[in-house]
Amino acid sequence: MSKEDSRELGCEFIHVHEDIVDKVKEKIPDDDNLYDLADFFKIFADSTRIKILYVLLCSEMCVCDIAQLTNMTQSAISHQLRTLKQSQLVKARREGKTVFYSLSDGHIKNILSQGFEHISE
């Protein structure tokens, strides 16, 4: 790597721009919030959970319907729904003996839409 190339990667000499650092430091969430955010995004790291979320984006459904659409067992769907519910991404509504699941709010739709838009560019 040439000297010119290495300058593009970093500063030629050490000099902290205190005013910029101070402004940015005020905007960064505390470590606990960043940890919670990282945990939140881990939920989206599983393609089965993403598929379930997309199914629920289209319609409220019961475990049987989701299992049929995803070609998975009801047990596997229930396990994933439990994780999604604990993370407050889905909510449940009981109607008689049947429990229907849906996205917890519009934020989840936005996250999925923006993520899909990003990978489609």
Protein backbone atom coordinates (compact mmCIF):
# COMPACT_ATOMS: atom_id res chain seq x y z
CA MET A 1 0.00 0.00 0.00
CA SER A 2 1.38 3.38 -0.95
CA LYS A 3 1.70 6.27 1.48
CA GLU A 4 -1.07 8.08 -0.41
CA ASP A 5 -3.40 5.07 -0.06
CA SER A 6 -2.76 4.83 3.67
CA ARG A 7 -3.64 8.53 4.12
CA GLU A 8 -7.07 7.89 2.65
CA LEU A 9 -7.73 5.25 5.31
CA GLY A 10 -6.91 7.41 8.31
CA CYS A 11 -5.35 10.56 9.61
CA GLU A 12 -1.76 11.30 8.67
CA PHE A 13 -1.16 12.37 12.25
CA ILE A 14 -3.13 12.04 15.46
CA HIS A 15 -5.43 14.96 16.12
CA VAL A 16 -8.79 14.61 17.83
CA HIS A 17 -11.47 17.04 16.73
CA GLU A 18 -12.91 17.63 20.21
CA ASP A 19 -15.92 19.64 19.02
CA ILE A 20 -17.08 16.83 16.70
CA VAL A 21 -16.35 14.13 19.25
CA ASP A 22 -18.30 16.00 21.95
CA LYS A 23 -21.35 16.51 19.67
CA VAL A 24 -21.42 12.87 18.66
CA LYS A 25 -20.87 11.65 22.22
CA GLU A 26 -24.07 13.43 23.28
CA LYS A 27 -26.08 11.58 20.61
CA ILE A 28 -24.84 8.05 21.26
CA PRO A 29 -27.24 5.99 23.40
CA ASP A 30 -25.87 4.46 26.58
CA ASP A 31 -24.40 0.95 26.48
CA ASP A 32 -27.50 -0.70 27.97
CA ASN A 33 -29.70 0.72 25.20
CA LEU A 34 -27.21 -0.31 22.53
CA TYR A 35 -27.12 -3.83 24.00
CA ASP A 36 -30.95 -3.99 23.90
CA LEU A 37 -30.92 -2.77 20.29
CA ALA A 38 -28.40 -5.44 19.30
CA ASP A 39 -30.61 -8.10 20.94
CA PHE A 40 -33.61 -6.73 19.06
CA PHE A 41 -31.85 -7.09 15.71
CA LYS A 42 -30.69 -10.63 16.57
CA ILE A 43 -34.34 -11.68 16.36
CA PHE A 44 -34.28 -10.72 12.67
CA ALA A 45 -31.22 -12.92 12.05
CA ASP A 46 -33.30 -16.06 11.58
CA SER A 47 -34.95 -16.69 8.19
CA THR A 48 -37.79 -18.71 9.77
CA ARG A 49 -38.74 -15.81 12.02
CA ILE A 50 -38.52 -13.41 9.07
CA LYS A 51 -40.83 -15.68 7.06
CA ILE A 52 -43.32 -15.77 9.94
CA LEU A 53 -43.20 -11.98 10.25
CA TYR A 54 -43.85 -11.61 6.51
CA VAL A 55 -46.81 -14.02 6.76
CA LEU A 56 -48.22 -11.96 9.63
CA LEU A 57 -47.60 -8.80 7.63
CA CYS A 58 -50.22 -10.11 5.19
CA SER A 59 -52.78 -11.33 7.71
CA GLU A 60 -53.49 -12.28 11.29
CA MET A 61 -53.18 -16.08 11.54
CA CYS A 62 -53.25 -19.04 13.87
CA VAL A 63 -50.37 -21.49 14.33
CA CYS A 64 -52.00 -24.06 12.00
CA ASP A 65 -52.27 -21.57 9.15
CA ILE A 66 -48.68 -20.36 9.60
CA ALA A 67 -47.42 -23.96 9.72
CA GLN A 68 -49.28 -24.75 6.48
CA LEU A 69 -47.87 -21.68 4.69
CA THR A 70 -44.29 -22.26 5.84
CA ASN A 71 -44.25 -26.08 5.50
CA MET A 72 -43.17 -26.39 9.12
CA THR A 73 -44.55 -28.22 12.13
CA GLN A 74 -46.91 -26.48 14.51
CA SER A 75 -44.38 -27.13 17.27
CA ALA A 76 -41.61 -25.33 15.36
CA ILE A 77 -43.93 -22.39 14.61
CA SER A 78 -45.05 -22.18 18.24
CA HIS A 79 -41.42 -22.08 19.36
CA GLN A 80 -40.62 -19.21 16.99
CA LEU A 81 -43.82 -17.35 17.87
CA ARG A 82 -42.87 -17.57 21.56
CA THR A 83 -39.55 -15.89 20.77
CA LEU A 84 -41.24 -13.24 18.62
CA LYS A 85 -43.85 -12.59 21.31
CA GLN A 86 -41.21 -12.28 24.07
CA SER A 87 -39.45 -9.72 21.88
CA GLN A 88 -42.74 -7.85 21.46
CA LEU A 89 -42.73 -8.26 17.68
CA VAL A 90 -46.01 -10.18 17.60
CA LYS A 91 -49.11 -10.18 19.74
CA ALA A 92 -51.73 -12.84 20.37
CA ARG A 93 -55.51 -12.70 20.46
CA ARG A 94 -57.68 -15.58 21.66
CA GLU A 95 -60.95 -16.39 19.92
CA GLY A 96 -62.53 -19.42 21.59
CA LYS A 97 -59.89 -22.15 21.57
CA THR A 98 -57.89 -20.57 18.76
CA VAL A 99 -55.06 -18.07 19.26
CA PHE A 100 -54.47 -15.64 16.41
CA TYR A 101 -51.13 -13.90 15.97
CA SER A 102 -50.40 -10.56 14.33
CA LEU A 103 -47.59 -8.02 14.19
CA SER A 104 -47.45 -6.00 17.38
CA ASP A 105 -47.38 -2.62 15.64
CA GLY A 106 -46.53 -0.69 12.47
CA HIS A 107 -42.85 -0.42 13.40
CA ILE A 108 -42.33 -4.07 12.50
CA LYS A 109 -43.81 -3.51 9.03
CA ASN A 110 -41.48 -0.54 8.54
CA ILE A 111 -38.41 -2.50 9.66
CA LEU A 112 -39.21 -5.35 7.27
CA SER A 113 -40.00 -2.98 4.39
CA GLN A 114 -36.85 -0.92 4.86
CA GLY A 115 -34.69 -4.02 5.23
CA PHE A 116 -36.12 -5.54 2.05
CA GLU A 117 -35.73 -2.24 0.21
CA HIS A 118 -32.08 -2.08 1.31
CA ILE A 119 -31.20 -5.56 0.06
CA SER A 120 -33.08 -4.96 -3.20
CA GLU A 121 -31.01 -1.94 -4.23
